[in-house]
Amino acid sequence: MIDTSSPKKLAEQTVFPILFALSFSHLLNDTIQSLIPAIYPVIKSSYHLSFSQIGLITLTFQMAASLFQPFVGLYTDKKPQPYSLAMGMGFTLTGLITLSLSTNFYTMLLAVALIGTGSSIFHPEASRMAHAASGGKRGLAQSVFQLGGNAGSSLGPLLAAWIIVPYGQFSVVWFSLIALLAILILTFVGNWYKGYLVRLKERAKVKTQGLGNNLSKKQVVFAIAILLVLIFSKYFYMASLSSYFTFYLIEKFHVSVQTSQVYLFVFLFSVAAGTLVGGPIGDRVGRKYVIWGSILGTAPFALLLPHANLFWTGFLIVPIGMILASAFSAILVYAQELIPGKVGLVAGLFFGFAFGMGGIGSALLGKLADATSINHVFNICAFLPLIGLMTGFLPNIKNEKK
């Protein structure tokens, strides 16, 4: 039972039904998103696309999914929009239908831009709602929320292997049912959030949750810059795997498209499994330790991956996915503690920057693959996790474990 007798008691309670609803909606949203790279082998052969064009599709999607997010977050910090999540999913639904009917490269770009716009609306306000439902367990709440997204990302390749590869591009339209289900769930979540805001009245109490830090403005800006560099390293490396891992397996080990999708699923499922770890550990022992261990801890496995045979490739992608995934929740909550009261803005900035880096990374790596080879791309990207050494420059903050 949720005690709504006072704003303070309401703010202190972790509302797990809402967290699970947000997590499941995140699963549905990111399942749809993950269809885009999962169908690359199908559309590349059907439309004779180059790796550069594949990279441009990813760039278009990621730019649409990233550019609006900080502005959405800034706006909803001032004027919360309980039903914006359902509205954003409407853009995603339109994009899915357009993608299923696309007959050329340019309509595909339009389709993925619509899906990206829906994602851009979804993430900042959904993260804000997870924060509101956290009851002070912010790391746990973000990890539960992120778990849904990463689990959804892992499902895309399997669904593509089972449905899109055998039945073709038009079968994408069936995934519109997922978008419709998400709209229903997000309407329910919107009803809760609307009531939550009415009951609290003095929204400032929820915005700050008693947060503060012992840093100057210059220190905060420096710390945010370091966090963004860490996001760069994480998502450039993730782009190499999420967009090009299937091509890497097909070229190096001559596996089938469907087999490569299964390996991609293993990686993305490992990402989902690792997501739940970072937030709760950060709540207990400190977010800096989680960030250290996550990004830098990936490096040994990433450096070995380009030199492994097929069996060890399948083995190495599991710790890579699990360790790397634990960083984002810790980074996001650490940043929100650096800038208290700006939950939506920080979520929009970091989700947007992550998506943007993924898109730019995919486009640049596609160009590099065309100019050299997929194997060369993976050899270069193996060094990116070493940027995790920059975690040592992050300051301690007052409400962070030392």
Protein backbone atom coordinates (compact mmCIF):
# COMPACT_ATOMS: atom_id res chain seq x y z
CA MET A 1 0.00 0.00 0.00
CA ILE A 2 1.31 3.45 -0.96
CA ASP A 3 0.92 6.01 1.81
CA THR A 4 -0.20 9.29 0.26
CA SER A 5 -1.08 11.02 3.51
CA SER A 6 1.72 13.55 3.17
CA PRO A 7 4.03 14.77 0.42
CA LYS A 8 7.07 13.82 2.48
CA LYS A 9 5.93 10.21 3.00
CA LEU A 10 5.01 9.96 -0.67
CA ALA A 11 8.45 11.18 -1.73
CA GLU A 12 10.16 8.67 0.59
CA GLN A 13 8.41 5.59 -0.77
CA THR A 14 9.71 3.48 -3.64
CA VAL A 15 6.73 2.87 -5.93
CA PHE A 16 7.73 -0.44 -7.49
CA PRO A 17 4.59 -0.92 -9.66
CA ILE A 18 5.40 2.34 -11.43
CA LEU A 19 9.11 1.48 -11.72
CA PHE A 20 8.21 -1.90 -13.24
CA ALA A 21 5.70 -0.27 -15.61
CA LEU A 22 8.34 2.24 -16.72
CA SER A 23 10.90 -0.54 -17.08
CA PHE A 24 8.52 -2.64 -19.18
CA SER A 25 7.66 0.38 -21.33
CA HIS A 26 11.39 0.98 -21.75
CA LEU A 27 11.68 -2.66 -22.84
CA LEU A 28 8.97 -2.15 -25.47
CA ASN A 29 10.47 1.16 -26.66
CA ASP A 30 14.00 -0.22 -26.99
CA THR A 31 12.81 -3.47 -28.58
CA ILE A 32 11.44 -1.30 -31.37
CA GLN A 33 14.64 0.74 -31.54
CA SER A 34 16.81 -2.36 -31.68
CA LEU A 35 15.00 -3.57 -34.78
CA ILE A 36 16.79 -0.87 -36.75
CA PRO A 37 20.36 -2.29 -36.53
CA ALA A 38 18.97 -5.83 -36.41
CA ILE A 39 17.52 -5.54 -39.93
CA TYR A 40 20.68 -4.03 -41.44
CA PRO A 41 21.82 -7.31 -43.04
CA VAL A 42 18.38 -7.65 -44.68
CA ILE A 43 18.14 -4.14 -46.12
CA LYS A 44 21.84 -3.99 -47.05
CA SER A 45 21.44 -6.90 -49.44
CA SER A 46 17.93 -5.94 -50.62
CA TYR A 47 18.80 -2.34 -51.46
CA HIS A 48 22.54 -2.78 -52.14
CA LEU A 49 23.53 -0.33 -49.42
CA SER A 50 27.13 0.46 -48.50
CA PHE A 51 28.46 0.45 -44.94
CA SER A 52 28.49 4.25 -45.15
CA GLN A 53 24.75 4.28 -45.89
CA ILE A 54 24.15 1.87 -43.01
CA GLY A 55 26.07 4.28 -40.81
CA LEU A 56 23.95 7.21 -42.07
CA ILE A 57 20.75 5.36 -41.15
CA THR A 58 22.09 4.90 -37.62
CA LEU A 59 23.28 8.52 -37.50
CA THR A 60 19.85 9.82 -38.56
CA PHE A 61 18.11 7.70 -35.94
CA GLN A 62 20.55 8.59 -33.18
CA MET A 63 20.53 12.31 -34.00
CA ALA A 64 16.72 12.41 -33.92
CA ALA A 65 16.85 10.43 -30.66
CA SER A 66 19.43 12.73 -29.09
CA LEU A 67 19.10 16.35 -30.21
CA PHE A 68 15.69 17.00 -28.64
CA GLN A 69 16.31 15.22 -25.35
CA PRO A 70 18.00 18.02 -23.36
CA PHE A 71 15.27 20.46 -24.48
CA VAL A 72 12.53 17.99 -23.55
CA GLY A 73 14.18 17.50 -20.16
CA LEU A 74 14.62 21.25 -19.58
CA TYR A 75 10.98 21.93 -20.47
CA THR A 76 9.57 19.13 -18.30
CA ASP A 77 11.71 20.24 -15.34
CA LYS A 78 9.61 23.41 -15.43
CA LYS A 79 6.31 21.96 -16.71
CA PRO A 80 5.95 18.19 -16.17
CA GLN A 81 3.99 16.44 -18.91
CA PRO A 82 2.44 13.22 -17.56
CA TYR A 83 1.15 12.05 -20.95
CA SER A 84 4.14 13.01 -23.08
CA LEU A 85 5.43 9.42 -23.01
CA ALA A 86 2.29 8.08 -24.68
CA MET A 87 2.43 10.91 -27.23
CA GLY A 88 6.07 10.14 -28.00
CA MET A 89 5.21 6.51 -28.60
CA GLY A 90 2.78 7.76 -31.27
CA PHE A 91 5.78 9.05 -33.25
CA THR A 92 7.39 5.63 -32.86
CA LEU A 93 4.26 3.91 -34.13
CA THR A 94 4.20 6.15 -37.21
CA GLY A 95 7.89 5.44 -37.83
CA LEU A 96 7.40 1.68 -37.65
CA ILE A 97 4.63 1.75 -40.24
CA THR A 98 6.74 3.97 -42.48
CA LEU A 99 9.75 1.64 -42.13
CA SER A 100 7.69 -1.40 -43.09
CA LEU A 101 6.52 0.38 -46.26
CA SER A 102 9.84 2.02 -47.21
CA THR A 103 11.05 1.31 -50.72
CA ASN A 104 14.23 3.39 -50.82
CA PHE A 105 17.05 4.73 -48.69
CA TYR A 106 15.47 8.15 -48.10
CA THR A 107 12.12 6.90 -46.80
CA MET A 108 14.11 4.66 -44.44
CA LEU A 109 15.85 7.77 -43.14
CA LEU A 110 12.45 9.41 -42.54
CA ALA A 111 11.16 6.30 -40.77
CA VAL A 112 14.10 6.01 -38.38
CA ALA A 113 13.93 9.78 -37.71
CA LEU A 114 10.32 9.37 -36.54
CA ILE A 115 11.28 6.44 -34.31
CA GLY A 116 14.18 8.47 -32.94
CA THR A 117 11.89 11.42 -32.21
CA GLY A 118 9.61 9.15 -30.19
CA SER A 119 12.61 7.94 -28.22
CA SER A 120 13.78 11.52 -27.68
CA ILE A 121 10.46 12.36 -26.01
CA PHE A 122 10.37 9.12 -24.02
CA HIS A 123 13.69 9.01 -22.18
CA PRO A 124 14.00 12.31 -20.25
CA GLU A 125 10.47 12.29 -18.79
CA ALA A 126 10.51 8.53 -18.15
CA SER A 127 13.78 8.96 -16.25
CA ARG A 128 12.22 11.82 -14.29
CA MET A 129 9.23 9.60 -13.40
CA ALA A 130 11.58 6.82 -12.29
CA HIS A 131 13.36 9.37 -10.09
CA ALA A 132 9.99 10.44 -8.62
CA ALA A 133 9.07 6.81 -7.89
CA SER A 134 12.49 5.96 -6.41
CA GLY A 135 11.78 6.84 -2.79
CA GLY A 136 15.39 8.03 -2.54
CA LYS A 137 16.86 4.82 -4.00
CA ARG A 138 17.90 6.64 -7.14
CA GLY A 139 20.55 4.19 -8.32
CA LEU A 140 18.16 1.25 -7.93
CA ALA A 141 15.37 3.11 -9.73
CA GLN A 142 17.59 4.03 -12.69
CA SER A 143 18.94 0.48 -12.89
CA VAL A 144 15.41 -0.99 -12.94
CA PHE A 145 14.46 1.54 -15.61
CA GLN A 146 17.60 0.83 -17.64
CA LEU A 147 17.15 -2.94 -17.26
CA GLY A 148 13.98 -2.76 -19.31
CA GLY A 149 15.67 -0.78 -22.06
CA ASN A 150 18.66 -3.06 -22.35
CA ALA A 151 16.48 -6.19 -22.22
CA GLY A 152 14.45 -4.72 -25.06
CA SER A 153 17.60 -4.00 -27.03
CA SER A 154 18.61 -7.63 -26.68
CA LEU A 155 15.26 -8.88 -28.02
CA GLY A 156 15.48 -7.00 -31.32
CA PRO A 157 18.06 -9.26 -32.99
CA LEU A 158 16.13 -12.41 -32.00
CA LEU A 159 12.84 -11.02 -33.25
CA ALA A 160 14.56 -9.93 -36.46
CA ALA A 161 16.04 -13.43 -36.90
CA TRP A 162 12.67 -15.11 -36.26
CA ILE A 163 10.36 -12.70 -38.07
CA ILE A 164 12.04 -10.12 -40.30
CA VAL A 165 14.76 -12.29 -41.89
CA PRO A 166 12.36 -15.05 -43.02
CA TYR A 167 9.31 -12.86 -43.76
CA GLY A 168 10.89 -9.69 -45.07
CA GLN A 169 10.82 -5.96 -44.42
CA PHE A 170 7.03 -5.58 -44.38
CA SER A 171 6.83 -7.84 -41.31
CA VAL A 172 8.13 -4.82 -39.34
CA VAL A 173 4.51 -3.60 -39.32
CA TRP A 174 3.58 -6.31 -36.80
CA PHE A 175 5.74 -4.58 -34.23
CA SER A 176 3.19 -1.75 -34.27
CA LEU A 177 1.29 -3.88 -31.76
CA ILE A 178 4.20 -3.39 -29.34
CA ALA A 179 3.93 0.38 -29.75
CA LEU A 180 0.17 0.25 -29.10
CA LEU A 181 0.71 -1.78 -25.92
CA ALA A 182 3.32 0.74 -24.77
CA ILE A 183 0.87 3.61 -25.34
CA LEU A 184 -1.68 1.91 -23.05
CA ILE A 185 0.88 1.30 -20.27
CA LEU A 186 2.31 4.81 -20.52
CA THR A 187 -1.18 6.29 -20.25
CA PHE A 188 -1.56 4.40 -16.96
CA VAL A 189 1.83 5.71 -15.77
CA GLY A 190 0.80 9.22 -16.83
CA ASN A 191 -2.33 8.97 -14.67
CA TRP A 192 -0.18 8.05 -11.64
CA TYR A 193 2.30 10.84 -12.27
CA LYS A 194 -0.47 13.41 -12.69
CA GLY A 195 -1.92 12.39 -9.32
CA TYR A 196 1.56 12.39 -7.79
CA LEU A 197 2.14 15.98 -8.85
CA VAL A 198 -1.25 17.08 -7.57
CA ARG A 199 -0.70 15.46 -4.16
CA LEU A 200 2.75 16.93 -3.69
CA LYS A 201 1.79 20.48 -4.73
CA GLU A 202 5.15 21.85 -3.60
CA ARG A 203 7.10 20.20 -6.38
CA ALA A 204 10.42 21.65 -5.20
CA LYS A 205 10.50 19.08 -2.39
CA VAL A 206 10.54 16.28 -4.96
CA LYS A 207 12.94 18.01 -7.31
CA THR A 208 15.74 18.28 -4.86
CA GLN A 209 15.06 15.29 -2.56
CA GLY A 210 17.42 16.97 -0.11
CA LEU A 211 20.33 16.84 -2.48
CA GLY A 212 23.28 19.17 -2.47
CA ASN A 213 26.98 19.01 -3.15
CA ASN A 214 30.17 20.59 -1.91
CA LEU A 215 31.49 21.67 -5.31
CA SER A 216 31.97 24.99 -7.03
CA LYS A 217 30.35 25.69 -10.40
CA LYS A 218 33.72 25.23 -12.12
CA GLN A 219 34.17 21.82 -10.48
CA VAL A 220 30.66 20.77 -11.52
CA VAL A 221 31.29 21.77 -15.15
CA PHE A 222 34.61 19.90 -15.14
CA ALA A 223 32.99 16.78 -13.66
CA ILE A 224 30.18 16.86 -16.23
CA ALA A 225 32.78 17.14 -19.02
CA ILE A 226 34.61 14.07 -17.67
CA LEU A 227 31.35 12.12 -17.52
CA LEU A 228 30.57 13.05 -21.13
CA VAL A 229 34.01 11.83 -22.23
CA LEU A 230 33.30 8.52 -20.47
CA ILE A 231 29.93 8.33 -22.24
CA PHE A 232 31.80 8.94 -25.52
CA SER A 233 34.11 5.98 -24.92
CA LYS A 234 31.28 3.70 -23.84
CA TYR A 235 28.91 4.46 -26.70
CA PHE A 236 31.50 4.61 -29.48
CA TYR A 237 32.53 1.13 -28.41
CA MET A 238 28.90 0.04 -28.10
CA ALA A 239 28.27 1.34 -31.63
CA SER A 240 30.91 -0.98 -33.04
CA LEU A 241 29.16 -3.96 -31.50
CA SER A 242 25.48 -3.04 -31.88
CA SER A 243 25.77 -1.89 -35.52
CA TYR A 244 28.61 -3.99 -36.94
CA PHE A 245 29.04 -7.10 -34.80
CA THR A 246 26.86 -9.18 -37.14
CA PHE A 247 28.95 -8.10 -40.15
CA TYR A 248 32.14 -8.82 -38.20
CA LEU A 249 30.99 -12.38 -37.47
CA ILE A 250 29.80 -12.97 -41.01
CA GLU A 251 33.04 -11.67 -42.55
CA LYS A 252 35.53 -13.23 -40.12
CA PHE A 253 33.83 -16.53 -39.27
CA HIS A 254 31.46 -16.97 -42.27
CA VAL A 255 28.40 -17.59 -40.10
CA SER A 256 24.83 -17.13 -41.39
CA VAL A 257 22.81 -13.96 -40.83
CA GLN A 258 20.55 -15.72 -38.34
CA THR A 259 23.52 -17.13 -36.40
CA SER A 260 25.09 -13.68 -36.23
CA GLN A 261 21.82 -12.31 -34.83
CA VAL A 262 21.93 -14.93 -32.06
CA TYR A 263 25.45 -13.82 -31.10
CA LEU A 264 24.27 -10.20 -31.11
CA PHE A 265 21.41 -11.24 -28.83
CA VAL A 266 23.92 -12.85 -26.42
CA PHE A 267 25.87 -9.59 -26.25
CA LEU A 268 22.78 -7.42 -25.79
CA PHE A 269 21.30 -9.81 -23.22
CA SER A 270 24.58 -9.55 -21.30
CA VAL A 271 24.21 -5.77 -21.41
CA ALA A 272 20.71 -6.14 -19.94
CA ALA A 273 21.94 -8.52 -17.22
CA GLY A 274 24.70 -6.12 -16.19
CA THR A 275 22.43 -3.10 -16.06
CA LEU A 276 20.75 -3.97 -12.77
CA VAL A 277 24.08 -4.18 -10.94
CA GLY A 278 25.48 -0.66 -11.28
CA GLY A 279 22.72 1.37 -9.65
CA PRO A 280 22.25 -0.56 -6.38
CA ILE A 281 26.01 -0.98 -5.88
CA GLY A 282 26.43 2.74 -6.49
CA ASP A 283 23.79 3.44 -3.81
CA ARG A 284 25.80 1.35 -1.34
CA VAL A 285 29.50 1.85 -2.07
CA GLY A 286 29.66 4.94 -4.26
CA ARG A 287 29.07 5.68 -7.92
CA LYS A 288 32.69 6.53 -8.70
CA TYR A 289 33.74 2.95 -7.90
CA VAL A 290 31.07 1.60 -10.23
CA ILE A 291 32.16 3.93 -13.04
CA TRP A 292 35.82 2.94 -12.51
CA GLY A 293 35.06 -0.77 -12.59
CA SER A 294 32.61 -0.60 -15.45
CA ILE A 295 34.41 1.28 -18.21
CA LEU A 296 38.02 0.48 -17.36
CA GLY A 297 37.11 -3.08 -16.36
CA THR A 298 35.90 -3.74 -19.89
CA ALA A 299 39.34 -3.03 -21.38
CA PRO A 300 41.07 -6.44 -20.97
CA PHE A 301 38.17 -8.28 -22.62
CA ALA A 302 37.80 -5.67 -25.37
CA LEU A 303 41.52 -5.90 -26.21
CA LEU A 304 41.29 -9.69 -26.51
CA LEU A 305 38.12 -9.76 -28.65
CA PRO A 306 39.66 -9.02 -32.11
CA HIS A 307 42.15 -11.88 -31.64
CA ALA A 308 39.69 -14.54 -30.47
CA ASN A 309 38.21 -17.45 -32.43
CA LEU A 310 34.44 -17.90 -32.73
CA PHE A 311 34.08 -19.80 -29.44
CA TRP A 312 36.05 -17.26 -27.42
CA THR A 313 34.31 -14.39 -29.21
CA GLY A 314 31.01 -15.75 -27.90
CA PHE A 315 32.56 -16.02 -24.44
CA LEU A 316 34.19 -12.56 -24.35
CA ILE A 317 31.11 -10.60 -25.39
CA VAL A 318 29.37 -11.72 -22.18
CA PRO A 319 31.70 -9.96 -19.68
CA ILE A 320 32.10 -7.04 -22.09
CA GLY A 321 28.34 -6.50 -22.15
CA MET A 322 27.80 -7.07 -18.43
CA ILE A 323 30.67 -4.91 -17.17
CA LEU A 324 30.16 -2.06 -19.62
CA ALA A 325 26.42 -1.87 -18.94
CA SER A 326 26.77 -1.15 -15.24
CA ALA A 327 28.20 2.33 -15.91
CA PHE A 328 25.27 4.31 -17.27
CA SER A 329 22.95 4.25 -14.25
CA ALA A 330 25.84 5.26 -11.98
CA ILE A 331 26.94 8.03 -14.36
CA LEU A 332 23.41 9.38 -14.70
CA VAL A 333 22.65 9.48 -10.97
CA TYR A 334 26.11 10.91 -10.20
CA ALA A 335 25.39 13.72 -12.70
CA GLN A 336 21.94 14.33 -11.19
CA GLU A 337 23.60 14.70 -7.79
CA LEU A 338 26.06 17.17 -9.29
CA ILE A 339 23.14 19.33 -10.52
CA PRO A 340 20.32 18.82 -7.98
CA GLY A 341 16.80 19.74 -9.04
CA LYS A 342 17.50 19.32 -12.78
CA VAL A 343 16.56 15.65 -13.16
CA GLY A 344 14.93 16.00 -16.58
CA LEU A 345 17.63 18.24 -18.01
CA VAL A 346 20.44 15.92 -16.86
CA ALA A 347 18.59 12.83 -18.11
CA GLY A 348 17.95 14.49 -21.47
CA LEU A 349 21.56 15.65 -21.77
CA PHE A 350 23.07 12.26 -20.96
CA PHE A 351 20.59 10.09 -22.86
CA GLY A 352 20.82 12.50 -25.78
CA PHE A 353 24.62 12.59 -25.74
CA ALA A 354 24.76 8.79 -25.46
CA PHE A 355 22.48 8.35 -28.45
CA GLY A 356 24.35 11.03 -30.38
CA MET A 357 27.71 9.41 -29.74
CA GLY A 358 26.26 6.08 -30.80
CA GLY A 359 25.03 7.60 -34.05
CA ILE A 360 28.20 9.52 -34.85
CA GLY A 361 30.25 6.48 -33.91
CA SER A 362 28.24 4.24 -36.19
CA ALA A 363 28.57 6.65 -39.13
CA LEU A 364 32.33 7.15 -38.67
CA LEU A 365 32.95 3.46 -38.12
CA GLY A 366 30.94 2.66 -41.26
CA LYS A 367 33.18 5.01 -43.24
CA LEU A 368 36.25 3.38 -41.70
CA ALA A 369 34.92 -0.10 -42.52
CA ASP A 370 34.37 0.89 -46.16
CA ALA A 371 37.88 2.33 -46.35
CA THR A 372 39.60 -0.55 -44.54
CA SER A 373 37.72 -3.56 -43.14
CA ILE A 374 35.38 -4.59 -40.33
CA ASN A 375 38.29 -6.37 -38.64
CA HIS A 376 40.28 -3.12 -38.60
CA VAL A 377 37.34 -1.29 -36.99
CA PHE A 378 37.23 -3.81 -34.14
CA ASN A 379 41.00 -3.61 -33.63
CA ILE A 380 40.80 0.19 -33.27
CA CYS A 381 37.71 0.23 -31.01
CA ALA A 382 39.28 -2.26 -28.60
CA PHE A 383 41.30 0.59 -27.07
CA LEU A 384 38.32 2.86 -26.29
CA PRO A 385 37.57 1.46 -22.79
CA LEU A 386 41.03 2.63 -21.66
CA ILE A 387 39.53 6.13 -21.57
CA GLY A 388 37.95 4.94 -18.31
CA LEU A 389 41.20 6.03 -16.63
CA MET A 390 39.75 9.55 -16.67
CA THR A 391 37.37 8.49 -13.88
CA GLY A 392 40.23 9.32 -11.52
CA PHE A 393 39.61 13.03 -12.18
CA LEU A 394 36.01 12.92 -10.91
CA PRO A 395 35.50 14.71 -7.58
CA ASN A 396 33.74 13.30 -4.53
CA ILE A 397 30.44 14.98 -3.75
CA LYS A 398 28.78 15.40 -0.39
CA ASN A 399 26.06 12.77 -0.83
CA GLU A 400 28.34 10.34 -2.68
CA LYS A 401 30.19 7.47 -0.96
CA LYS A 402 33.89 8.22 -0.72
